[in-house]
């Protein structure tokens, strides 16, 4: 596979880890927040990484970028997170050039999601690109690649039923509550934190449980009030957490903290309590499970709730893959063209110089020489010659690198790439 380089010695890599080999605890160690991503961008600039995109969700953390060696990207990630290189290597994947491009298409279109067809990841790619652009780490390659993946994702959404039916983790958590808690409309539900899955769970609970006993607590009260206003919920202060947990029958934890926020000490185990921990890393201490009357369900368990919806979705995988292949082909075509465009432009310039010299010579030599006609004919010939070369370079049977070298040698060209 030839290098898809933009800068001379760099290859394009995707490095990361996901739910497939890394459990919630390990994923938590490598998760990145926005300041963390910005810091990685700054460090990447210092070591000469040209073009970098970072995404971090509860199911995966990935870096896509140009480097001389993938270890440069791995080190950037490990230096900025709680995880070590050794831990990363145990669960990681590294893709290069064409494979890295294919991986982003697969991820961005929900084909690699923990719940097949979960399209939330595409907004993470959009945000990742926005951050890269803001940090001046987005190059034309990354921009075109992200746009192609977004385009494929839209087409799959519109042309297939890969994301039909509700199978999001938020829906799975509500389904779990409805299936396991009798008389749900009578129960006290407490939502701690305003993480996305928690907010979606909350919205689904309001919709499906007919419950008016839902309370929301967040470290910053304004955020809680903002969300509570939408769903007409009660808001309590962070200081009331312990007393509210004691009143609750169901506790949904969706904070973005890096360490557990719900400890054994906060819980009053005199009556049954169901805890759903929808956070990565885990935000409920492991020892809470030891308490009588307390059931703790983590995100990973909910993600495994598969049903007929998922089986139905699987039928659309081949169609989705075909769309991906089509859009990817167009991207790779653009990439090849971009690679030889500087040489073709330099060739055009060279032929134009020859044309100008020749017309100038003939104008002086031939009386009544029609310069205008000569220009028209010459320009058409130059157009046809460069088109022949471009078509030759586009051909899949051709070794582009060798051909480019030969053209440059024959015409003594010095292409200047932008």
Protein backbone atom coordinates (compact mmCIF):
# COMPACT_ATOMS: atom_id res chain seq x y z
CA UNK A 1 0.00 0.00 0.00
CA UNK A 2 1.48 3.32 -1.02
CA UNK A 3 1.80 6.12 1.49
CA UNK A 4 -1.07 8.56 1.55
CA UNK A 5 1.19 11.32 2.59
CA UNK A 6 0.71 15.01 2.74
CA UNK A 7 4.06 15.69 4.24
CA UNK A 8 6.98 13.79 2.79
CA UNK A 9 7.83 11.14 5.37
CA UNK A 10 4.55 10.71 7.23
CA UNK A 11 1.86 8.06 7.01
CA UNK A 12 -1.75 8.31 8.14
CA UNK A 13 -2.55 6.30 11.30
CA UNK A 14 -5.57 5.48 13.44
CA UNK A 15 -4.66 4.39 16.95
CA UNK A 16 -7.08 3.65 19.76
CA UNK A 17 -9.03 1.27 21.92
CA UNK A 18 -12.71 0.39 22.14
CA UNK A 19 -15.28 -1.67 24.02
CA UNK A 20 -14.26 -4.72 21.93
CA UNK A 21 -11.11 -5.42 23.95
CA UNK A 22 -11.11 -2.79 26.71
CA UNK A 23 -13.59 -2.92 29.57
CA UNK A 24 -15.16 0.20 31.10
CA UNK A 25 -12.38 0.57 33.68
CA UNK A 26 -9.59 0.51 31.06
CA UNK A 27 -11.55 2.77 28.71
CA UNK A 28 -12.00 5.16 31.62
CA UNK A 29 -8.23 5.42 32.06
CA UNK A 30 -7.82 6.55 28.44
CA UNK A 31 -10.83 8.85 28.19
CA UNK A 32 -10.19 12.45 27.11
CA UNK A 33 -12.10 15.61 27.93
CA UNK A 34 -11.98 18.76 25.78
CA UNK A 35 -8.99 20.37 27.60
CA UNK A 36 -7.19 17.01 27.28
CA UNK A 37 -7.80 16.93 23.53
CA UNK A 38 -6.58 20.53 23.20
CA UNK A 39 -3.45 19.67 25.16
CA UNK A 40 -2.73 16.70 22.86
CA UNK A 41 -3.09 19.02 19.84
CA UNK A 42 -0.53 21.44 21.33
CA UNK A 43 1.94 18.65 22.07
CA UNK A 44 1.41 17.14 18.60
CA UNK A 45 2.39 20.45 16.99
CA UNK A 46 5.61 20.49 19.00
CA UNK A 47 6.68 17.06 17.73
CA UNK A 48 5.78 17.77 14.11
CA UNK A 49 2.57 15.76 13.77
CA UNK A 50 0.80 17.43 10.85
CA UNK A 51 -2.93 16.86 11.01
CA UNK A 52 -4.64 15.21 14.01
CA UNK A 53 -8.18 14.33 15.03
CA UNK A 54 -9.16 12.99 18.46
CA UNK A 55 -12.42 11.35 19.52
CA UNK A 56 -13.34 10.11 22.97
CA UNK A 57 -16.68 8.56 23.89
CA UNK A 58 -17.79 6.12 26.58
CA UNK A 59 -17.05 3.28 24.12
CA UNK A 60 -13.78 4.35 22.49
CA UNK A 61 -10.85 6.76 22.44
CA UNK A 62 -9.06 7.24 19.12
CA UNK A 63 -6.48 9.47 17.47
CA UNK A 64 -6.30 9.83 13.68
CA UNK A 65 -3.22 11.61 12.40
CA UNK A 66 -0.06 11.89 10.34
CA UNK A 67 3.14 10.72 11.96
CA UNK A 68 6.47 9.10 11.12
CA UNK A 69 5.61 6.28 13.51
CA UNK A 70 2.37 5.32 15.31
CA UNK A 71 4.24 5.38 18.64
CA UNK A 72 4.26 9.21 18.42
CA UNK A 73 0.45 9.17 18.59
CA UNK A 74 0.34 6.42 21.25
CA UNK A 75 2.71 8.42 23.47
CA UNK A 76 0.62 11.59 23.02
CA UNK A 77 -2.46 9.69 24.24
CA UNK A 78 -0.76 7.92 27.16
CA UNK A 79 0.98 11.11 28.37
CA UNK A 80 -2.35 12.91 28.54
CA UNK A 81 -4.40 10.15 30.20
CA UNK A 82 -4.21 7.87 33.25
CA UNK A 83 -3.33 4.85 31.10
CA UNK A 84 0.16 3.46 30.46
CA UNK A 85 1.70 2.39 27.15
CA UNK A 86 1.72 -1.23 28.42
CA UNK A 87 -2.02 -1.12 29.21
CA UNK A 88 -2.71 0.50 25.84
CA UNK A 89 -0.78 -2.18 23.95
CA UNK A 90 -2.82 -4.93 25.59
CA UNK A 91 -6.14 -3.68 24.20
CA UNK A 92 -5.20 -1.35 21.35
CA UNK A 93 -5.40 -1.33 17.57
CA UNK A 94 -3.21 0.52 15.10
CA UNK A 95 -4.26 1.01 11.48
CA UNK A 96 -2.17 2.58 8.73
CA UNK A 97 -3.05 4.47 5.53
CA UNK A 98 -5.82 2.64 3.64
CA UNK A 99 -6.79 0.58 6.71
CA UNK A 100 -6.96 3.73 8.86
CA UNK A 101 -9.26 5.36 6.30
CA UNK A 102 -11.50 2.25 6.21
CA UNK A 103 -11.59 2.20 10.02
CA UNK A 104 -12.87 5.78 10.22
CA UNK A 105 -15.63 4.97 7.72
CA UNK A 106 -16.64 1.93 9.78
CA UNK A 107 -16.63 3.87 13.06
CA UNK A 108 -18.37 6.96 11.69
CA UNK A 109 -21.23 5.01 10.14
CA UNK A 110 -22.17 2.99 13.23
CA UNK A 111 -20.81 -0.32 11.90
CA UNK A 112 -18.24 -0.54 14.70
CA UNK A 113 -20.52 0.73 17.49
CA UNK A 114 -21.28 -1.32 20.58
CA UNK A 115 -24.90 -1.08 19.51
CA UNK A 116 -24.92 -1.60 15.74
CA UNK A 117 -26.10 1.48 13.86
CA UNK A 118 -25.64 3.86 16.80
CA UNK A 119 -25.04 7.12 14.96
CA UNK A 120 -24.10 9.26 17.96
CA UNK A 121 -20.45 8.76 17.00
CA UNK A 122 -20.78 10.94 13.88
CA UNK A 123 -21.38 14.03 16.01
CA UNK A 124 -18.18 13.14 17.93
CA UNK A 125 -16.27 13.06 14.63
CA UNK A 126 -17.76 16.45 13.69
CA UNK A 127 -16.77 17.87 17.10
CA UNK A 128 -13.31 16.29 16.82
CA UNK A 129 -12.79 17.94 13.46
CA UNK A 130 -14.04 21.26 14.81
CA UNK A 131 -11.46 21.06 17.63
CA UNK A 132 -8.70 20.10 15.16
CA UNK A 133 -9.61 23.07 12.97
CA UNK A 134 -9.67 25.42 15.94
CA UNK A 135 -6.19 24.22 16.92
CA UNK A 136 -4.95 24.50 13.30
CA UNK A 137 -4.40 20.76 13.17
CA UNK A 138 -6.88 20.05 10.37
CA UNK A 139 -5.41 19.66 6.89
CA UNK A 140 -7.22 19.20 3.54
CA UNK A 141 -6.86 15.40 3.84
CA UNK A 142 -8.63 15.26 7.24
CA UNK A 143 -11.28 17.73 6.13
CA UNK A 144 -12.10 15.74 3.01
CA UNK A 145 -12.02 12.43 4.93
CA UNK A 146 -14.36 13.68 7.67
CA UNK A 147 -16.76 15.15 5.12
CA UNK A 148 -16.74 11.84 3.20
CA UNK A 149 -17.50 9.86 6.37
CA UNK A 150 -20.33 12.32 7.26
CA UNK A 151 -21.69 11.95 3.72
CA UNK A 152 -21.60 8.11 3.96
CA UNK A 153 -23.31 8.26 7.36
CA UNK A 154 -26.12 10.46 5.96
CA UNK A 155 -26.63 8.13 3.01
CA UNK A 156 -26.74 5.03 5.24
CA UNK A 157 -29.29 6.77 7.48
CA UNK A 158 -31.47 7.73 4.52
CA UNK A 159 -31.08 4.64 2.32
CA UNK A 160 -31.03 1.80 4.87
CA UNK A 161 -32.66 0.93 8.18
CA UNK A 162 -29.37 0.34 9.97
CA UNK A 163 -30.45 2.58 12.84
CA UNK A 164 -34.15 1.75 12.90
CA UNK A 165 -35.83 1.02 16.20
CA UNK A 166 -34.61 2.21 19.59
CA UNK A 167 -31.53 0.43 20.90
CA UNK A 168 -29.53 3.25 22.46
CA UNK A 169 -28.00 2.63 25.89
CA UNK A 170 -30.41 5.24 27.28
CA UNK A 171 -33.35 3.26 25.92
CA UNK A 172 -31.82 -0.01 27.19
CA UNK A 173 -31.55 1.49 30.69
CA UNK A 174 -35.20 2.58 30.68
CA UNK A 175 -36.24 -0.84 29.34
CA UNK A 176 -34.29 -2.42 32.21
CA UNK A 177 -36.07 -0.22 34.77
CA UNK A 178 -39.52 -0.86 33.26
CA UNK A 179 -38.87 -4.64 33.12
CA UNK A 180 -37.47 -4.93 36.66
CA UNK A 181 -39.25 -2.32 38.77
CA UNK A 182 -42.98 -2.81 39.47
CA UNK A 183 -45.23 0.27 39.96
CA UNK A 184 -42.63 2.56 38.41
CA UNK A 185 -44.92 5.62 38.51
CA UNK A 186 -44.93 5.42 42.31
CA UNK A 187 -41.13 5.22 42.72
CA UNK A 188 -38.68 7.98 43.57
CA UNK A 189 -36.07 8.38 40.85
CA UNK A 190 -32.89 10.41 41.34
CA UNK A 191 -30.67 11.44 38.43
CA UNK A 192 -27.17 12.42 39.57
CA UNK A 193 -25.14 14.21 36.88
CA UNK A 194 -26.04 15.58 33.47
CA UNK A 195 -24.05 13.31 31.13
CA UNK A 196 -25.63 12.76 27.71
CA UNK A 197 -26.78 9.17 28.30
CA UNK A 198 -28.21 10.23 31.68
CA UNK A 199 -30.13 13.09 30.08
CA UNK A 200 -31.50 10.74 27.39
CA UNK A 201 -32.44 8.18 30.04
CA UNK A 202 -34.20 10.90 31.97
CA UNK A 203 -36.14 12.00 28.87
CA UNK A 204 -37.12 8.39 28.12
CA UNK A 205 -38.18 7.84 31.73
CA UNK A 206 -40.42 10.90 31.67
CA UNK A 207 -41.91 9.64 28.38
CA UNK A 208 -42.42 5.97 29.34
CA UNK A 209 -42.94 5.85 33.09
CA UNK A 210 -45.55 8.52 33.72
CA UNK A 211 -43.51 9.45 36.78
CA UNK A 212 -43.63 12.80 38.55
CA UNK A 213 -41.16 11.81 41.30
CA UNK A 214 -37.92 12.53 39.40
CA UNK A 215 -35.22 14.63 41.08
CA UNK A 216 -32.05 15.94 39.47
CA UNK A 217 -28.76 16.82 41.19
CA UNK A 218 -25.63 18.16 39.50
CA UNK A 219 -22.45 19.77 40.86
CA UNK A 220 -23.35 22.97 39.01
CA UNK A 221 -26.97 23.70 39.78
CA UNK A 222 -27.54 25.87 36.67
CA UNK A 223 -26.96 22.87 34.39
CA UNK A 224 -29.43 20.80 36.40
CA UNK A 225 -32.04 23.59 36.29
CA UNK A 226 -31.59 23.93 32.55
CA UNK A 227 -32.41 20.24 31.98
CA UNK A 228 -35.04 20.06 34.73
CA UNK A 229 -36.91 22.95 33.11
CA UNK A 230 -37.34 20.95 29.91
CA UNK A 231 -38.84 17.94 31.71
CA UNK A 232 -40.49 19.65 34.71
CA UNK A 233 -38.27 17.89 37.27
CA UNK A 234 -37.32 18.84 40.82
CA UNK A 235 -33.76 20.15 41.34
CA UNK A 236 -31.86 19.74 44.61
CA UNK A 237 -28.42 21.01 45.67
CA UNK A 238 -25.28 18.89 45.48
CA UNK A 239 -25.15 19.05 49.31
CA UNK A 240 -28.48 17.17 49.46
CA UNK A 241 -27.09 14.14 47.58
CA UNK A 242 -26.95 11.80 50.59
CA UNK A 243 -30.47 12.56 51.84
CA UNK A 244 -31.89 12.31 48.30
CA UNK A 245 -30.18 8.93 47.72
CA UNK A 246 -31.84 7.70 50.93
CA UNK A 247 -35.26 8.66 49.58
CA UNK A 248 -34.64 7.15 46.14
CA UNK A 249 -35.81 3.78 44.81
CA UNK A 250 -33.79 4.22 41.62
CA UNK A 251 -30.53 6.14 41.27
CA UNK A 252 -29.23 6.94 37.79
CA UNK A 253 -25.58 8.10 37.87
CA UNK A 254 -24.37 10.03 34.82
CA UNK A 255 -21.53 12.26 36.02
CA UNK A 256 -18.39 12.92 33.99
CA UNK A 257 -16.03 12.50 36.95
CA UNK A 258 -12.76 10.60 36.60
CA UNK A 259 -13.18 8.95 40.05
CA UNK A 260 -16.21 7.32 41.72
CA UNK A 261 -18.69 9.87 43.10
CA UNK A 262 -21.11 7.44 44.77
CA UNK A 263 -19.54 5.60 47.70
CA UNK A 264 -20.81 3.02 50.18
CA UNK A 265 -21.07 5.72 52.85
CA UNK A 266 -23.68 7.67 50.86
CA UNK A 267 -26.11 4.75 50.77
CA UNK A 268 -28.73 3.79 53.34
CA UNK A 269 -29.34 0.11 52.60
CA UNK A 270 -32.54 -0.30 54.65
CA UNK A 271 -34.73 -0.48 51.53
CA UNK A 272 -34.19 -1.75 47.97
CA UNK A 273 -32.21 0.56 45.70
CA UNK A 274 -31.48 0.04 42.01
CA UNK A 275 -28.42 1.95 40.78
CA UNK A 276 -27.70 2.43 37.07
CA UNK A 277 -24.14 3.63 36.51
CA UNK A 278 -24.12 5.23 33.04
CA UNK A 279 -20.66 6.76 33.40
CA UNK A 280 -17.25 5.97 31.93
CA UNK A 281 -15.10 5.63 33.96
CA UNK A 282 -17.42 4.00 36.52
CA UNK A 283 -18.80 6.52 39.03
CA UNK A 284 -20.14 4.04 41.59
CA UNK A 285 -17.58 2.44 43.91
CA UNK A 286 -17.17 -1.31 43.40
CA UNK A 287 -17.91 -2.04 47.09
CA UNK A 288 -21.47 -0.61 46.77
CA UNK A 289 -22.41 -3.95 45.14
CA UNK A 290 -21.71 -5.69 48.48
CA UNK A 291 -24.56 -3.89 50.23
CA UNK A 292 -27.77 -5.84 50.85
CA UNK A 293 -30.83 -4.47 49.04
CA UNK A 294 -28.65 -2.69 46.47
CA UNK A 295 -28.44 -3.69 42.77
CA UNK A 296 -25.81 -1.99 40.63
CA UNK A 297 -26.06 -2.19 36.84
CA UNK A 298 -23.27 -0.69 34.72
CA UNK A 299 -23.34 0.71 31.20
CA UNK A 300 -21.53 -2.35 29.81
CA UNK A 301 -24.28 -4.69 31.00
CA UNK A 302 -26.97 -2.47 29.47
CA UNK A 303 -25.11 -2.33 26.19
CA UNK A 304 -25.41 -6.09 25.94
CA UNK A 305 -29.20 -5.92 25.88
CA UNK A 306 -29.77 -7.08 22.34
CA UNK A 307 -33.20 -7.69 20.91
CA UNK A 308 -35.01 -8.28 17.64
CA UNK A 309 -34.20 -4.70 16.65
CA UNK A 310 -30.49 -5.53 16.48
CA UNK A 311 -31.14 -8.73 14.55
CA UNK A 312 -33.19 -6.68 12.07
CA UNK A 313 -30.43 -4.11 11.79
CA UNK A 314 -27.88 -6.78 10.85
CA UNK A 315 -29.75 -7.37 7.59
CA UNK A 316 -28.78 -3.86 6.44
CA UNK A 317 -25.04 -4.23 7.10
CA UNK A 318 -24.15 -5.32 3.51
CA UNK A 319 -26.05 -2.35 2.07
CA UNK A 320 -24.33 0.04 4.50
CA UNK A 321 -20.92 -1.45 3.66
CA UNK A 322 -21.59 -1.00 -0.06
CA UNK A 323 -22.39 2.71 0.51
CA UNK A 324 -19.19 3.05 2.54
CA UNK A 325 -17.14 1.45 -0.25
CA UNK A 326 -18.63 3.78 -2.84
CA UNK A 327 -17.97 6.98 -0.88
CA UNK A 328 -14.51 5.72 0.15
CA UNK A 329 -13.62 5.04 -3.50
CA UNK A 330 -14.49 8.65 -4.37
CA UNK A 331 -12.30 9.85 -1.50
CA UNK A 332 -9.34 7.68 -2.62
CA UNK A 333 -9.77 8.95 -6.17
CA UNK A 334 -9.55 12.53 -4.89
CA UNK A 335 -6.50 11.52 -2.88
CA UNK A 336 -4.64 10.10 -5.88
CA UNK A 337 -5.47 13.21 -7.91
CA UNK A 338 -4.29 15.43 -5.08
CA UNK A 339 -1.03 13.52 -5.00
CA UNK A 340 -0.13 14.04 -8.62
CA UNK A 341 -1.79 17.45 -9.13
CA UNK A 342 1.48 19.36 -8.35
CA UNK A 343 3.34 17.36 -11.05
CA UNK A 344 0.57 17.86 -13.63
CA UNK A 345 0.50 21.60 -12.82
CA UNK A 346 4.29 21.82 -13.14
CA UNK A 347 4.06 19.96 -16.47
CA UNK A 348 1.42 22.42 -17.70
CA UNK A 349 3.64 25.34 -16.68
CA UNK A 350 6.61 23.79 -18.50
CA UNK A 351 4.59 23.25 -21.70
CA UNK A 352 3.24 26.79 -21.46
CA UNK A 353 6.79 28.14 -21.22
CA UNK A 354 7.71 26.15 -24.35
CA UNK A 355 4.60 27.52 -26.09
CA UNK A 356 5.42 31.16 -25.22
CA UNK A 357 9.04 30.78 -26.41
CA UNK A 358 7.99 29.08 -29.66
CA UNK A 359 5.24 31.59 -30.50
CA UNK A 360 7.64 34.44 -29.76
CA UNK A 361 10.25 32.84 -32.06
CA UNK A 362 7.73 32.23 -34.90
CA UNK A 363 6.26 35.75 -34.62
CA UNK A 364 9.70 37.24 -35.35
CA UNK A 365 10.49 34.68 -38.06
CA UNK A 366 7.23 34.45 -40.08
CA UNK A 367 5.66 37.54 -41.60
CA UNK A 368 1.93 37.89 -40.86
CA UNK A 369 2.11 35.10 -38.31
CA UNK A 370 -1.34 34.70 -36.62
CA UNK A 371 -0.40 34.67 -32.95
CA UNK A 372 -4.00 34.33 -31.74
CA UNK A 373 -4.66 31.15 -33.74
CA UNK A 374 -1.33 29.69 -32.67
CA UNK A 375 -2.26 30.34 -29.00
CA UNK A 376 -5.66 28.56 -29.39
CA UNK A 377 -4.12 25.50 -31.07
CA UNK A 378 -1.19 25.32 -28.63
CA UNK A 379 -3.46 25.60 -25.58
CA UNK A 380 -5.68 22.78 -26.86
CA UNK A 381 -2.65 20.56 -27.50
CA UNK A 382 -1.26 21.31 -23.99
CA UNK A 383 -4.69 20.49 -22.51
CA UNK A 384 -4.77 17.15 -24.37
CA UNK A 385 -1.20 16.21 -23.40
CA UNK A 386 -1.73 16.94 -19.68
CA UNK A 387 -5.05 15.06 -19.77
CA UNK A 388 -3.26 12.00 -21.22
CA UNK A 389 -0.72 12.11 -18.37
CA UNK A 390 -3.45 12.59 -15.74
CA UNK A 391 -5.46 9.62 -17.10
CA UNK A 392 -2.29 7.50 -17.11
CA UNK A 393 -1.62 8.37 -13.45
CA UNK A 394 -5.23 7.62 -12.46
CA UNK A 395 -5.04 4.11 -13.91
CA UNK A 396 -5.00 1.39 -11.26
CA UNK A 397 -2.47 -0.69 -13.23
CA UNK A 398 0.12 2.06 -12.98
CA UNK A 399 2.69 2.57 -10.24
CA UNK A 400 1.98 6.25 -9.59
CA UNK A 401 5.24 6.91 -7.72
CA UNK A 402 7.43 5.59 -10.58
CA UNK A 403 5.41 7.40 -13.23
CA UNK A 404 5.58 10.70 -11.34
CA UNK A 405 9.34 10.32 -11.02
CA UNK A 406 9.73 9.61 -14.75
CA UNK A 407 7.57 12.59 -15.81
CA UNK A 408 9.58 14.88 -13.54
CA UNK A 409 12.86 13.51 -14.94
CA UNK A 410 11.86 13.75 -18.62
CA UNK A 411 10.48 17.30 -18.35
CA UNK A 412 12.95 18.44 -15.64
CA UNK A 413 10.14 19.54 -13.37
CA UNK A 414 10.24 20.88 -9.85
CA UNK A 415 6.65 20.61 -8.62
CA UNK A 416 5.75 22.88 -5.75
CA UNK A 417 2.99 21.37 -3.62
CA UNK A 418 0.89 23.78 -1.59
